[in-house]
Amino acid sequence: MAFDTDVAALGATAITGNHELLHRALENVVRNAARHTPSGTRVHVAGTYDAARREIQFTVTDEGSGVADTELGSIFDPFYRGSQARGTPCHGLGLAIARRVVETHGGSIRA
């Protein structure tokens, strides 16, 4: 598994909030992408900063099979495990934690 990152646009952007929780939220999303991406493919992480809105956006994409459209609204719910995740050693909490942290900091998260 390889990772591509493109966060140079963030520069030395200061982030207000609990840095440890924000780190864990991003880590949970990236770890989830890595878990569901086939061996030999990549996970892409990009970050942008909108100075006018004072907003940072991270985008995490992978080369996995994806999530069914009917499940997209549920993957950030606690204990939800999509049909692609069944049979894997996970508990359905990582993305729920990420959503809680992001929303607590005034942001949003979506798939």
Protein backbone atom coordinates (compact mmCIF):
# COMPACT_ATOMS: atom_id res chain seq x y z
CA MET A 1 0.00 0.00 0.00
CA ALA A 2 1.29 3.41 -0.90
CA PHE A 3 0.12 6.84 0.17
CA ASP A 4 0.10 10.00 -1.94
CA THR A 5 -0.18 13.29 -0.12
CA ASP A 6 -0.81 16.75 -1.47
CA VAL A 7 -1.07 19.08 1.48
CA ALA A 8 1.52 21.67 0.43
CA ALA A 9 -1.31 24.17 -0.14
CA LEU A 10 -1.89 24.23 3.61
CA GLY A 11 1.53 25.78 4.27
CA ALA A 12 1.86 26.87 7.88
CA THR A 13 -1.88 27.15 8.48
CA ALA A 14 -2.78 27.44 12.17
CA ILE A 15 -5.59 25.20 13.35
CA THR A 16 -7.66 26.09 16.38
CA GLY A 17 -9.01 23.15 18.34
CA ASN A 18 -7.91 19.96 19.98
CA HIS A 19 -5.01 18.90 17.77
CA GLU A 20 -4.89 15.36 19.18
CA LEU A 21 -8.57 14.73 18.44
CA LEU A 22 -8.31 16.27 14.97
CA HIS A 23 -5.27 14.10 14.24
CA ARG A 24 -7.16 11.00 15.35
CA ALA A 25 -10.15 11.91 13.20
CA LEU A 26 -8.03 12.24 10.06
CA GLU A 27 -6.08 9.12 11.00
CA ASN A 28 -9.32 7.12 11.38
CA VAL A 29 -10.47 8.13 7.89
CA VAL A 30 -7.08 7.33 6.33
CA ARG A 31 -6.84 4.01 8.20
CA ASN A 32 -10.33 3.07 6.99
CA ALA A 33 -9.35 3.86 3.40
CA ALA A 34 -6.18 1.79 3.75
CA ARG A 35 -8.11 -1.13 5.21
CA HIS A 36 -10.48 -1.25 2.25
CA THR A 37 -7.96 -0.68 -0.53
CA PRO A 38 -6.47 -3.65 -2.36
CA SER A 39 -2.79 -4.43 -1.96
CA GLY A 40 -0.63 -2.67 -4.54
CA THR A 41 -2.92 0.36 -4.83
CA ARG A 42 -2.81 3.84 -3.32
CA VAL A 43 -4.60 5.99 -0.78
CA HIS A 44 -4.58 9.67 -1.73
CA VAL A 45 -4.71 12.46 0.89
CA ALA A 46 -5.05 16.09 -0.19
CA GLY A 47 -5.58 19.25 1.80
CA THR A 48 -6.62 22.74 0.81
CA TYR A 49 -7.10 25.97 2.71
CA ASP A 50 -9.74 28.56 1.84
CA ALA A 51 -8.50 31.78 3.46
CA ALA A 52 -11.72 33.69 2.76
CA ARG A 53 -13.81 31.10 4.61
CA ARG A 54 -11.01 30.22 7.08
CA GLU A 55 -11.64 26.59 6.27
CA ILE A 56 -9.41 23.57 5.75
CA GLN A 57 -10.63 20.69 3.64
CA PHE A 58 -9.06 17.25 3.53
CA THR A 59 -9.97 14.77 0.84
CA VAL A 60 -9.13 11.08 1.27
CA THR A 61 -9.64 8.77 -1.69
CA ASP A 62 -8.66 5.19 -2.28
CA GLU A 63 -8.70 2.66 -5.07
CA GLY A 64 -11.00 0.20 -3.33
CA SER A 65 -14.35 -1.11 -4.51
CA GLY A 66 -16.22 1.81 -2.95
CA VAL A 67 -19.33 2.07 -0.84
CA ALA A 68 -22.80 1.45 -2.19
CA ASP A 69 -24.80 4.66 -2.70
CA THR A 70 -27.45 3.33 -0.32
CA GLU A 71 -24.86 3.06 2.48
CA LEU A 72 -23.16 6.46 2.11
CA GLY A 73 -25.48 8.13 4.61
CA SER A 74 -24.78 5.50 7.26
CA ILE A 75 -21.04 4.88 7.22
CA PHE A 76 -20.40 7.56 9.85
CA ASP A 77 -22.98 6.07 12.25
CA PRO A 78 -21.64 4.23 15.33
CA PHE A 79 -21.30 0.46 14.86
CA TYR A 80 -22.37 0.62 11.22
CA ARG A 81 -20.41 -1.75 9.03
CA GLY A 82 -21.10 -1.59 5.33
CA SER A 83 -21.59 -4.67 3.23
CA GLN A 84 -17.98 -4.45 2.01
CA ALA A 85 -16.67 -4.39 5.61
CA ARG A 86 -18.41 -7.52 6.82
CA GLY A 87 -15.87 -10.19 7.62
CA THR A 88 -13.12 -7.67 8.40
CA PRO A 89 -11.79 -7.12 11.93
CA CYS A 90 -13.42 -3.76 12.63
CA HIS A 91 -16.12 -2.49 14.97
CA GLY A 92 -17.69 0.36 13.03
CA LEU A 93 -16.41 3.11 15.33
CA GLY A 94 -13.54 4.83 13.48
CA LEU A 95 -15.66 6.87 11.07
CA ALA A 96 -18.24 7.64 13.78
CA ILE A 97 -15.48 9.02 15.99
CA ALA A 98 -14.15 11.06 13.07
CA ARG A 99 -17.58 12.58 12.47
CA ARG A 100 -18.06 13.44 16.14
CA VAL A 101 -14.67 15.16 16.35
CA VAL A 102 -15.12 17.10 13.11
CA GLU A 103 -18.64 18.25 14.02
CA THR A 104 -17.51 19.23 17.54
CA HIS A 105 -14.97 21.51 15.87
CA GLY A 106 -17.67 23.11 13.70
CA GLY A 107 -16.90 21.14 10.56
CA SER A 108 -18.61 18.50 8.49
CA ILE A 109 -17.62 15.16 7.03
CA ARG A 110 -19.15 13.21 4.19
CA ALA A 111 -18.56 10.38 1.78
